[in-house]
Structure formats: structure tokens, C-alpha cells
N, C-alpha and C. Protein backbone atom coordinates (compact mmCIF):
# COMPACT_ATOMS: atom_id res chain seq x y z
N MET A 1 10.25 0.69 -14.02
CA MET A 1 9.37 1.40 -14.99
C MET A 1 9.90 3.09 -15.45
N LYS A 2 9.78 3.16 -16.52
CA LYS A 2 10.70 4.97 -17.23
C LYS A 2 9.76 5.74 -16.54
N GLU A 3 10.80 6.86 -16.52
CA GLU A 3 10.05 8.44 -15.89
C GLU A 3 9.25 8.92 -16.46
N SER A 4 8.47 9.34 -16.62
CA SER A 4 6.91 10.40 -16.78
C SER A 4 6.54 11.06 -15.94
N ASN A 5 5.93 12.67 -16.85
CA ASN A 5 5.30 13.32 -15.52
C ASN A 5 3.99 13.56 -16.56
N ILE A 6 3.79 12.70 -16.86
CA ILE A 6 2.34 12.81 -17.83
C ILE A 6 1.26 11.72 -17.05
N LEU A 7 0.01 12.65 -16.63
CA LEU A 7 -1.09 12.21 -16.17
C LEU A 7 -2.03 10.95 -16.98
N MET A 8 -1.82 10.10 -16.97
CA MET A 8 -2.32 9.21 -18.18
C MET A 8 -4.10 8.65 -17.71
N GLY A 9 -4.59 8.26 -18.72
CA GLY A 9 -5.42 7.77 -19.00
C GLY A 9 -5.55 6.87 -20.27
N PRO A 10 -7.01 6.59 -20.80
CA PRO A 10 -6.78 5.63 -22.11
C PRO A 10 -6.37 6.08 -23.42
N ASP A 11 -6.56 7.13 -23.20
CA ASP A 11 -6.19 7.78 -24.80
C ASP A 11 -5.34 9.21 -24.34
N ASN A 12 -4.56 9.31 -23.32
CA ASN A 12 -3.27 9.76 -22.61
C ASN A 12 -3.88 11.55 -22.01
N GLU A 13 -5.01 11.84 -22.08
CA GLU A 13 -5.33 12.77 -21.76
C GLU A 13 -5.21 13.17 -20.34
N LEU A 14 -5.50 14.14 -19.85
CA LEU A 14 -5.27 14.49 -18.30
C LEU A 14 -6.94 13.92 -17.74
N LYS A 15 -6.55 13.14 -16.50
CA LYS A 15 -7.34 12.72 -16.20
C LYS A 15 -7.98 13.28 -14.79
N PRO A 16 -9.29 14.06 -14.59
CA PRO A 16 -10.25 15.03 -13.72
C PRO A 16 -9.44 14.42 -12.60
N LEU A 17 -9.58 13.11 -11.85
CA LEU A 17 -9.18 12.83 -10.31
C LEU A 17 -7.80 12.77 -10.15
N LEU A 18 -7.29 12.39 -11.06
CA LEU A 18 -5.45 13.55 -10.60
C LEU A 18 -5.13 14.61 -11.12
N GLN A 19 -5.61 15.17 -12.03
CA GLN A 19 -5.77 16.80 -12.07
C GLN A 19 -5.73 17.60 -11.31
N GLY A 20 -7.42 17.35 -10.51
CA GLY A 20 -7.80 18.05 -9.15
C GLY A 20 -7.62 17.61 -7.90
N LEU A 21 -6.42 16.42 -7.82
CA LEU A 21 -6.86 15.60 -6.74
C LEU A 21 -6.30 16.51 -5.73
N ASN A 22 -7.09 16.26 -4.76
CA ASN A 22 -7.38 17.30 -3.16
C ASN A 22 -6.81 15.93 -2.27
N LYS A 23 -5.45 16.15 -1.48
CA LYS A 23 -4.54 14.69 -0.46
C LYS A 23 -5.06 15.01 0.69
N ASN A 24 -6.11 16.17 0.94
CA ASN A 24 -6.79 16.32 1.81
C ASN A 24 -8.49 15.43 2.01
N ASP A 25 -8.48 15.12 1.12
CA ASP A 25 -10.00 14.47 0.66
C ASP A 25 -9.78 13.24 1.01
N PHE A 26 -8.43 12.52 1.52
CA PHE A 26 -8.22 11.07 1.64
C PHE A 26 -8.07 11.06 3.29
N ASN A 27 -8.38 11.90 3.73
CA ASN A 27 -8.18 12.19 5.35
C ASN A 27 -9.56 11.37 6.08
N ILE A 28 -9.29 10.75 6.94
CA ILE A 28 -10.23 9.59 7.67
C ILE A 28 -10.62 10.19 8.76
N ALA A 29 -11.87 10.73 9.18
CA ALA A 29 -12.27 10.84 10.93
C ALA A 29 -13.72 10.39 10.88
N SER A 30 -14.08 9.72 10.13
CA SER A 30 -15.83 9.00 10.32
C SER A 30 -15.81 7.61 9.26
N LEU A 31 -16.56 7.18 9.83
CA LEU A 31 -17.10 6.33 9.03
C LEU A 31 -17.13 6.58 7.75
N ASP A 32 -18.33 7.52 7.75
CA ASP A 32 -18.02 8.03 6.19
C ASP A 32 -17.07 8.46 5.48
N ASP A 33 -16.47 9.20 6.44
CA ASP A 33 -15.00 9.25 5.39
C ASP A 33 -14.15 8.07 5.01
N GLU A 34 -14.11 6.88 5.56
CA GLU A 34 -14.06 6.09 5.09
C GLU A 34 -14.44 5.09 4.46
N ILE A 35 -15.45 5.33 3.74
CA ILE A 35 -16.02 4.71 2.93
C ILE A 35 -15.60 5.77 1.47
N ARG A 36 -16.20 6.70 2.02
CA ARG A 36 -15.54 7.78 0.65
C ARG A 36 -14.16 7.61 0.24
N VAL A 37 -13.40 7.51 1.48
CA VAL A 37 -12.05 7.52 1.13
C VAL A 37 -11.74 5.57 0.19
N ASP A 38 -11.73 4.89 0.43
CA ASP A 38 -11.93 4.01 0.04
C ASP A 38 -12.87 4.24 -1.64
N ARG A 39 -13.72 4.48 -2.05
CA ARG A 39 -14.18 4.84 -3.37
C ARG A 39 -13.17 5.64 -3.70
N ARG A 40 -12.57 6.25 -3.21
CA ARG A 40 -11.61 7.37 -4.47
C ARG A 40 -10.50 6.45 -4.38
N CYS A 41 -9.81 5.79 -3.58
CA CYS A 41 -9.00 5.18 -3.25
C CYS A 41 -9.22 3.58 -4.52
N VAL A 42 -10.20 3.13 -5.02
CA VAL A 42 -10.65 2.59 -6.04
C VAL A 42 -10.65 3.44 -7.63
N ASP A 43 -10.69 4.32 -7.17
CA ASP A 43 -10.71 5.33 -8.22
C ASP A 43 -9.72 5.30 -9.09
N LEU A 44 -8.58 5.64 -7.89
CA LEU A 44 -7.11 6.11 -7.96
C LEU A 44 -6.33 4.40 -8.34
N LEU A 45 -6.57 3.27 -8.27
CA LEU A 45 -6.16 1.83 -8.67
C LEU A 45 -6.76 1.80 -9.93
N ARG A 46 -7.64 2.43 -10.74
CA ARG A 46 -7.96 1.94 -11.70
C ARG A 46 -7.12 3.22 -12.34
N HIS A 47 -6.70 4.62 -11.76
CA HIS A 47 -6.11 4.96 -13.17
C HIS A 47 -4.72 4.16 -13.42
N PHE A 48 -3.93 3.95 -11.67
CA PHE A 48 -2.81 3.59 -11.62
C PHE A 48 -2.91 2.02 -12.84
N TYR A 49 -3.81 1.71 -12.83
CA TYR A 49 -4.25 0.02 -13.91
C TYR A 49 -4.04 0.54 -15.33
N GLN A 50 -4.53 1.73 -15.76
CA GLN A 50 -4.57 2.50 -16.96
C GLN A 50 -3.17 2.88 -17.21
N TYR A 51 -2.41 3.25 -16.55
CA TYR A 51 -1.03 3.72 -16.04
C TYR A 51 -0.33 2.68 -16.80
N LEU A 52 -0.29 1.58 -16.09
CA LEU A 52 0.72 0.09 -16.30
C LEU A 52 0.06 -0.53 -17.50
N THR A 53 -1.18 -0.14 -18.05
CA THR A 53 -1.26 -0.63 -18.93
C THR A 53 -0.98 0.15 -20.43
N CYS A 54 -1.68 1.15 -20.52
CA CYS A 54 -1.25 1.92 -21.50
C CYS A 54 0.24 2.64 -21.48
N HIS A 55 0.63 3.08 -20.73
CA HIS A 55 2.13 3.65 -20.59
C HIS A 55 3.58 2.55 -20.19
N GLU A 56 3.10 1.48 -19.44
CA GLU A 56 3.93 0.96 -18.83
C GLU A 56 4.35 -0.34 -19.94
N GLY A 57 2.83 -1.01 -20.80
CA GLY A 57 2.94 -2.14 -21.65
C GLY A 57 2.15 -3.29 -21.08
N LEU A 58 1.91 -3.34 -19.79
CA LEU A 58 1.77 -4.43 -19.16
C LEU A 58 0.77 -5.26 -19.77
N SER A 59 0.76 -6.31 -19.64
CA SER A 59 -0.56 -6.90 -19.96
C SER A 59 -1.84 -6.58 -18.77
N PRO A 60 -2.84 -6.84 -19.17
CA PRO A 60 -3.95 -6.86 -18.42
C PRO A 60 -3.54 -7.51 -17.15
N GLN A 61 -3.05 -9.07 -17.35
CA GLN A 61 -3.37 -9.53 -16.47
C GLN A 61 -2.21 -8.84 -15.11
N GLN A 62 -1.13 -8.81 -15.74
CA GLN A 62 0.28 -8.33 -15.17
C GLN A 62 -0.06 -6.98 -14.58
N ALA A 63 -0.70 -6.24 -15.12
CA ALA A 63 -1.10 -4.84 -14.22
C ALA A 63 -2.29 -5.10 -13.41
N GLY A 64 -3.14 -6.52 -13.31
CA GLY A 64 -4.30 -6.64 -12.50
C GLY A 64 -3.15 -7.22 -10.86
N GLU A 65 -2.47 -7.76 -11.33
CA GLU A 65 -1.46 -8.25 -9.73
C GLU A 65 -1.21 -7.88 -9.22
N ILE A 66 -0.52 -6.56 -10.22
CA ILE A 66 0.13 -5.52 -9.47
C ILE A 66 -1.17 -4.57 -8.18
N CYS A 67 -1.95 -4.02 -9.33
CA CYS A 67 -3.06 -3.24 -8.44
C CYS A 67 -3.85 -4.17 -7.19
N HIS A 68 -3.75 -5.58 -7.36
CA HIS A 68 -4.14 -6.39 -6.32
C HIS A 68 -3.49 -6.30 -5.13
N GLY A 69 -2.18 -5.90 -5.27
CA GLY A 69 -1.25 -5.88 -4.59
C GLY A 69 -1.33 -4.54 -3.42
N ALA A 70 -1.39 -3.78 -4.44
CA ALA A 70 -1.23 -2.10 -3.42
C ALA A 70 -2.96 -2.02 -3.17
N ASP A 71 -3.40 -2.42 -3.66
CA ASP A 71 -5.14 -2.52 -3.43
C ASP A 71 -4.73 -3.41 -1.90
N TYR A 72 -4.28 -4.39 -1.47
CA TYR A 72 -4.80 -5.21 -0.25
C TYR A 72 -3.99 -4.15 1.04
N PHE A 73 -2.97 -3.81 0.37
CA PHE A 73 -2.13 -2.76 1.93
C PHE A 73 -2.82 -1.48 1.52
N LEU A 74 -3.41 -0.95 1.01
CA LEU A 74 -4.27 0.29 0.62
C LEU A 74 -5.46 0.29 1.31
N ARG A 75 -5.69 -0.73 0.82
CA ARG A 75 -7.91 -0.33 1.08
C ARG A 75 -8.10 -1.51 2.61
N GLU A 76 -6.94 -2.16 2.79
CA GLU A 76 -7.31 -3.16 3.63
C GLU A 76 -6.52 -2.43 5.19
N PHE A 77 -5.39 -2.04 4.89
CA PHE A 77 -4.15 -2.04 6.18
C PHE A 77 -4.55 -0.39 6.26
N ILE A 78 -3.77 0.45 5.02
CA ILE A 78 -3.67 1.85 5.13
C ILE A 78 -5.15 2.55 5.67
N ILE A 79 -6.17 2.48 4.97
CA ILE A 79 -7.34 2.72 5.18
C ILE A 79 -8.83 2.33 6.18
N ALA A 80 -8.86 0.89 6.10
CA ALA A 80 -9.66 0.36 6.89
C ALA A 80 -9.34 0.10 8.12
N ASP A 81 -8.11 0.08 8.49
CA ASP A 81 -7.36 -0.96 9.28
C ASP A 81 -6.52 0.71 10.30
N ARG A 82 -6.22 1.48 9.60
CA ARG A 82 -4.63 2.34 10.49
C ARG A 82 -5.88 3.76 10.39
N ARG A 83 -6.70 3.71 8.79
CA ARG A 83 -7.32 5.21 9.05
C ARG A 83 -6.52 5.97 8.12
N ASP A 84 -5.40 6.31 7.99
CA ASP A 84 -3.97 6.98 7.30
C ASP A 84 -5.06 7.43 6.36
N ASN A 85 -4.15 8.66 5.78
CA ASN A 85 -4.48 8.66 4.39
C ASN A 85 -2.92 8.85 3.60
N LEU A 86 -3.31 7.56 2.79
CA LEU A 86 -2.36 7.26 2.04
C LEU A 86 -1.53 7.87 1.14
N PHE A 87 -1.36 9.22 1.25
CA PHE A 87 -0.47 10.25 0.54
C PHE A 87 0.53 10.43 1.45
N ARG A 88 0.20 10.46 3.22
CA ARG A 88 0.68 10.86 4.42
C ARG A 88 1.84 9.56 5.05
N THR A 89 1.70 8.22 4.20
CA THR A 89 1.58 7.40 4.97
C THR A 89 3.52 7.53 4.78
N SER A 90 4.06 6.29 5.43
CA SER A 90 5.48 6.40 5.64
C SER A 90 6.11 4.80 5.41
N ALA A 91 6.97 4.52 5.38
CA ALA A 91 8.08 3.69 5.10
C ALA A 91 7.59 2.87 6.58
N GLU A 92 7.52 3.43 7.52
CA GLU A 92 7.24 2.32 8.87
C GLU A 92 5.72 2.06 8.69
N ARG A 93 4.85 2.37 7.67
CA ARG A 93 3.57 1.48 8.03
C ARG A 93 3.71 0.73 6.70
N VAL A 94 5.22 0.16 6.21
CA VAL A 94 5.08 -0.73 4.96
C VAL A 94 5.90 -1.77 6.24
N ARG A 95 6.79 -1.29 7.05
CA ARG A 95 7.03 -2.16 7.95
C ARG A 95 6.07 -2.81 9.06
N GLN A 96 5.64 -1.99 9.73
CA GLN A 96 4.37 -2.54 10.29
C GLN A 96 3.59 -3.45 9.61
N PHE A 97 3.05 -2.88 8.26
CA PHE A 97 2.04 -4.09 7.44
C PHE A 97 2.62 -5.27 7.22
N ALA A 98 4.00 -5.72 6.74
CA ALA A 98 4.51 -6.50 5.95
C ALA A 98 4.67 -7.40 7.45
N GLY A 99 5.62 -6.59 8.25
CA GLY A 99 6.58 -7.33 9.88
C GLY A 99 5.52 -7.88 10.82
N HIS A 100 4.31 -7.07 10.90
CA HIS A 100 3.11 -7.53 12.10
C HIS A 100 1.66 -8.00 11.45
N TRP A 101 1.11 -6.66 10.93
CA TRP A 101 0.02 -6.83 10.71
C TRP A 101 -0.54 -7.99 9.55
N TYR A 102 0.51 -8.24 8.51
CA TYR A 102 -0.19 -9.15 7.64
C TYR A 102 -0.07 -10.69 8.52
N VAL A 103 1.29 -10.37 9.05
CA VAL A 103 1.58 -12.32 9.57
C VAL A 103 0.17 -12.24 10.81
N ILE A 104 -0.39 -11.45 11.48
CA ILE A 104 -0.99 -11.86 12.32
C ILE A 104 -2.57 -12.13 11.91
N ARG A 105 -2.86 -11.35 10.79
CA ARG A 105 -4.14 -11.11 10.03
C ARG A 105 -4.35 -12.21 8.94
N THR A 106 -3.45 -12.95 8.48
CA THR A 106 -3.21 -13.88 7.37
C THR A 106 -3.13 -15.35 7.99
N PRO A 107 -4.27 -16.25 7.02
CA PRO A 107 -4.20 -17.44 8.01
C PRO A 107 -3.00 -18.46 7.83
N GLU A 108 -2.44 -17.87 6.47
CA GLU A 108 -1.26 -18.72 6.35
C GLU A 108 -0.07 -17.39 5.87
N PRO A 109 0.12 -16.84 6.48
CA PRO A 109 1.21 -15.86 5.73
C PRO A 109 2.28 -16.80 5.45
N ASN A 110 2.53 -16.07 4.32
CA ASN A 110 4.10 -16.80 3.34
C ASN A 110 4.23 -15.61 2.54
N LEU A 111 5.71 -15.48 2.21
CA LEU A 111 6.32 -14.65 1.67
C LEU A 111 6.11 -14.13 0.37
N ALA A 112 5.70 -15.78 -0.74
CA ALA A 112 5.37 -15.34 -1.50
C ALA A 112 4.30 -14.62 -1.93
N GLU A 113 2.83 -14.72 -1.26
CA GLU A 113 1.83 -13.84 -1.70
C GLU A 113 2.44 -12.51 -0.88
N LEU A 114 2.78 -12.48 0.22
CA LEU A 114 3.31 -10.89 0.61
C LEU A 114 4.58 -10.32 -0.45
N ALA A 115 5.32 -10.82 -1.14
CA ALA A 115 6.32 -10.26 -1.82
C ALA A 115 5.41 -9.41 -2.99
N ARG A 116 4.02 -10.19 -3.56
CA ARG A 116 3.00 -9.99 -4.80
C ARG A 116 2.53 -8.37 -4.08
N ILE A 117 2.32 -8.31 -2.63
CA ILE A 117 1.44 -6.71 -2.27
C ILE A 117 2.31 -6.16 -2.15
N LEU A 118 3.79 -6.25 -1.77
CA LEU A 118 5.06 -5.26 -1.84
C LEU A 118 5.61 -4.56 -2.68
N GLU A 119 5.09 -5.34 -4.32
CA GLU A 119 5.67 -5.30 -5.37
C GLU A 119 4.65 -4.33 -5.87
N GLY A 120 3.40 -4.27 -5.77
CA GLY A 120 2.46 -3.47 -6.13
C GLY A 120 2.49 -2.16 -5.13
N THR A 121 2.80 -2.46 -3.83
CA THR A 121 2.85 -0.93 -3.12
C THR A 121 3.97 -0.42 -3.44
N THR A 122 5.14 -0.75 -3.92
CA THR A 122 6.16 -0.46 -4.51
C THR A 122 5.91 0.23 -5.41
N LEU A 123 5.74 -0.12 -6.63
CA LEU A 123 5.19 0.29 -8.15
C LEU A 123 4.46 1.83 -8.16
N PHE A 124 2.99 1.55 -7.11
CA PHE A 124 1.85 2.57 -6.96
C PHE A 124 2.53 3.72 -6.03
N TYR A 125 3.45 3.26 -5.21
CA TYR A 125 4.45 4.83 -4.81
C TYR A 125 4.54 5.32 -5.65
N ASP A 126 5.61 4.52 -6.23
CA ASP A 126 6.51 5.16 -7.68
C ASP A 126 5.46 5.61 -8.72
N PHE A 127 4.28 5.28 -9.02
CA PHE A 127 3.42 5.92 -9.68
C PHE A 127 3.00 7.41 -9.05
N LEU A 128 2.47 7.18 -7.83
CA LEU A 128 2.26 9.07 -7.24
C LEU A 128 3.43 9.48 -7.43
N ALA A 129 4.75 9.17 -7.19
CA ALA A 129 5.79 10.38 -6.85
C ALA A 129 5.68 10.61 -8.90
N GLU A 130 5.63 9.84 -9.96
CA GLU A 130 6.05 10.11 -11.21
C GLU A 130 4.84 10.98 -11.24
N GLN A 131 3.77 11.64 -10.89
CA GLN A 131 2.42 11.95 -10.99
C GLN A 131 2.65 13.18 -9.82
N SER A 132 3.60 13.88 -9.29
CA SER A 132 3.78 14.05 -8.09
C SER A 132 3.06 14.39 -7.21
N LEU A 133 2.32 13.24 -6.75
CA LEU A 133 1.38 13.34 -5.70
C LEU A 133 2.25 12.89 -4.42
N VAL A 134 2.99 12.23 -4.59
CA VAL A 134 4.08 12.07 -3.13
C VAL A 134 5.18 12.48 -3.92
N GLU A 135 6.03 12.90 -2.53
CA GLU A 135 7.76 13.39 -2.59
C GLU A 135 8.40 11.87 -2.98
N ARG A 136 9.22 12.35 -4.11
CA ARG A 136 10.09 10.75 -4.52
C ARG A 136 10.71 10.01 -3.31
N GLN A 137 11.31 11.00 -2.63
CA GLN A 137 11.96 10.62 -1.55
C GLN A 137 11.43 9.44 -0.49
N VAL A 138 9.73 9.89 -0.37
CA VAL A 138 9.06 8.98 0.31
C VAL A 138 8.84 7.72 -0.32
N SER A 139 8.84 7.55 -1.68
CA SER A 139 8.34 6.43 -2.63
C SER A 139 9.72 5.87 -2.36
N LEU A 140 11.09 6.53 -2.30
CA LEU A 140 12.12 5.69 -2.53
C LEU A 140 12.18 4.68 -0.91
N GLU A 141 11.47 5.40 -0.18
CA GLU A 141 11.35 4.98 1.33
C GLU A 141 10.94 3.99 1.30
N ILE A 142 9.74 3.91 0.83
CA ILE A 142 8.63 2.70 0.93
C ILE A 142 9.49 1.74 -0.04
N ALA A 143 9.57 1.74 -0.92
CA ALA A 143 10.62 0.57 -1.75
C ALA A 143 11.87 0.28 -1.25
N ARG A 144 13.04 0.81 -0.42
CA ARG A 144 13.29 0.37 0.49
C ARG A 144 13.11 -0.50 1.50
N GLN A 145 11.69 -0.44 2.16
CA GLN A 145 11.23 -0.94 3.03
C GLN A 145 10.19 -2.08 2.45
N CYS A 146 9.89 -2.08 1.49
CA CYS A 146 9.39 -3.07 0.66
C CYS A 146 10.11 -4.50 0.28
N ASP A 147 11.51 -3.70 0.05
CA ASP A 147 12.70 -4.59 -0.34
C ASP A 147 13.37 -5.77 0.71
N LYS A 148 12.65 -5.50 2.11
CA LYS A 148 13.24 -6.38 3.08
C LYS A 148 12.69 -7.63 3.40
N LYS A 149 12.74 -8.62 2.23
CA LYS A 149 12.06 -9.95 2.38
C LYS A 149 12.42 -10.75 3.19
N ASP A 150 13.92 -10.74 3.60
CA ASP A 150 14.56 -11.49 4.64
C ASP A 150 14.03 -11.08 5.84
N TYR A 151 14.19 -9.96 6.19
CA TYR A 151 13.29 -9.29 7.46
C TYR A 151 11.76 -10.23 7.99
N TYR A 152 11.33 -10.14 6.65
CA TYR A 152 9.62 -10.24 6.45
C TYR A 152 9.57 -11.76 6.48
N GLN A 153 10.04 -12.51 5.73
CA GLN A 153 10.40 -13.54 6.12
C GLN A 153 10.74 -14.23 7.42
N HIS A 154 11.73 -13.74 8.30
CA HIS A 154 12.35 -13.86 9.77
C HIS A 154 10.93 -13.83 10.39
N ARG A 155 10.04 -12.56 10.63
CA ARG A 155 9.18 -12.48 11.33
C ARG A 155 8.33 -13.53 11.16
N ILE A 156 7.74 -13.91 9.88
CA ILE A 156 6.92 -14.90 10.00
C ILE A 156 7.52 -16.28 10.37
N ASP A 157 8.42 -16.64 10.25
CA ASP A 157 9.15 -17.71 10.91
C ASP A 157 9.30 -17.39 12.38
N GLU A 158 9.36 -16.41 12.98
CA GLU A 158 9.08 -16.58 14.52
C GLU A 158 8.19 -16.36 15.06
N PHE A 159 7.17 -15.91 13.60
CA PHE A 159 5.43 -16.10 14.40
C PHE A 159 5.07 -17.34 14.52
N TRP A 160 5.54 -18.39 13.97
CA TRP A 160 5.53 -19.99 13.52
C TRP A 160 5.60 -20.46 14.80
N ALA A 161 7.31 -19.92 14.85
CA ALA A 161 7.72 -20.80 16.68
C ALA A 161 7.90 -20.06 17.78
N ILE A 162 6.36 -19.05 17.99
CA ILE A 162 6.23 -18.62 19.21
C ILE A 162 5.65 -19.69 19.88
N GLU A 163 6.46 -19.91 21.20
CA GLU A 163 5.96 -20.89 22.71
C GLU A 163 5.51 -20.09 23.83
N GLY A 164 4.27 -20.66 24.52
CA GLY A 164 4.35 -20.24 25.85
C GLY A 164 3.32 -18.62 25.67
N ASN A 165 4.29 -18.09 26.00
CA ASN A 165 3.78 -16.25 26.60
C ASN A 165 5.04 -15.07 25.50
N GLY A 166 5.09 -16.03 24.12
CA GLY A 166 6.53 -15.42 23.32
C GLY A 166 5.91 -14.71 22.11
N PHE A 167 4.44 -14.16 22.52
CA PHE A 167 3.80 -13.68 21.40
C PHE A 167 3.92 -12.11 21.84
N ASP A 168 4.00 -11.62 23.35
CA ASP A 168 4.29 -10.00 23.38
C ASP A 168 5.72 -9.75 23.04
N ALA A 169 6.72 -10.56 22.93
CA ALA A 169 8.15 -10.39 22.77
C ALA A 169 8.35 -10.20 20.88
N TRP A 170 7.48 -10.85 20.48
CA TRP A 170 7.26 -10.99 18.68
C TRP A 170 6.82 -9.97 17.89
N ARG A 171 5.71 -9.40 19.29
CA ARG A 171 4.60 -8.12 19.22
C ARG A 171 5.43 -6.75 19.47
N GLN A 172 6.41 -6.60 20.21
CA GLN A 172 7.58 -5.39 20.38
C GLN A 172 8.46 -5.31 19.70
N ALA A 173 8.97 -6.91 18.58
CA ALA A 173 9.70 -6.50 18.29
C ALA A 173 9.47 -5.63 16.75
N CYS A 174 8.57 -5.42 16.78
CA CYS A 174 7.62 -4.84 15.46
C CYS A 174 6.23 -4.29 15.81
N PRO A 175 6.22 -3.14 17.05
CA PRO A 175 4.86 -3.36 17.53
C PRO A 175 4.18 -2.36 16.29
N LEU A 176 2.91 -2.52 16.16
CA LEU A 176 1.51 -1.62 15.82
C LEU A 176 0.30 -1.62 17.10
N GLU A 177 1.03 -0.04 16.94
CA GLU A 177 -0.31 0.64 18.01
C GLU A 177 -2.00 0.67 17.51
N PRO A 178 -2.62 0.49 18.63
CA PRO A 178 -4.21 0.43 18.00
C PRO A 178 -4.29 1.84 18.03
N VAL A 179 -5.37 1.55 16.99
CA VAL A 179 -6.47 2.68 16.49
C VAL A 179 -7.66 2.79 17.17
N PRO A 180 -7.77 4.13 17.77
CA PRO A 180 -9.11 4.43 18.08
C PRO A 180 -10.32 4.63 17.56
N ASP A 181 -11.50 3.76 17.96
CA ASP A 181 -12.52 3.51 16.93
C ASP A 181 -12.77 4.97 16.40
N ILE A 182 -13.79 4.88 15.59
CA ILE A 182 -14.75 6.49 15.31
C ILE A 182 -15.99 6.20 14.70
N SER A 183 -16.25 7.33 14.58
CA SER A 183 -18.21 7.08 14.85
C SER A 183 -18.31 7.34 13.08
């Protein structure tokens, strides 16, 4: 993607969501917060889609596939499962998602599907960095973690090869701590 510091909308105007975005509005401490953050995430993904089509020149289908990947990582894992602020996540969360959560939560985990999710995640965090919503270093670290496809294929293969009591050892190789319930 080419570099840009312009906040994009359909007609290249500054969009209120990005212009006045408060990252603390993405904190989750209750079920109501989770619902609110999920809606804000959908809005943010719409801006990302517009950016991909209007600024990067991607077709609606290409942009939709990329956004779908980012959507799954953000809304299913970061928001719904981890209850993290998507602006304060780390490359370690990507590793936990791709090397653990995705593998145990997907009926047929496979690298082709996972690679599409990771591509969307990489491009989304690159977009956030271009909009000065996350540090460029965070975006680069996330991209590096998303690029470790051999590791994730190995995790999937090891998962299918588990025998007996092997799940605990598999889980400890890429641990994912439980998250307390919220009200």
C-alpha cells in the first residue's frame, strides 16, 4: 500500500469517526461496552473498506475479502473473546489468535483461510498506522507476526497429531490465558 496521511471517505473528506476518534471508547468493561465497541468496530471497518476501494483502488470484492479477514480477528477474537481495546493490542495477541484460538475454535483449521484473516489483519493495522491511530512500530510487529505462516501451519499440524494427554503440551507451547466473565 502506498503511504498516505489523509483520512479517507468516499469523497476524500475527513470522516467524523476518524477525525474525533477516542481510543478509550474502545475499552470493554461490561457487556454493554462490548456491544458498543463491536458497533464502532464495524464503523471503523467501513472506513477501512472505503480506504481500500477509494484510495488503494481495490475492487469491492478484493476490499471485502480483506475487510472480512480483519473483521474476524477483531470482532470474534479481540473484542468478543479477549475484550481488548483494538488500538492497544499487540503482536503477541496475533500469535495467540493464529497459533491457538483459531485452531481450537475452527472446525477445520487450515492455513489458506488463516492466511486470508492474517492478511486482512496486517492491512488493517497498516491502515491504522497510516491514520496515526496506532504507532507504526506496532503495525510492523503485527505484520511480522502475521507473516509467520510456517509456524501456524506447524501449530495446525501438531493439533491434528495430538494423542492421549498431548493437548496440555500443545496448549502450553502457545498459551492463551482465560478471560474473566463480565456483566
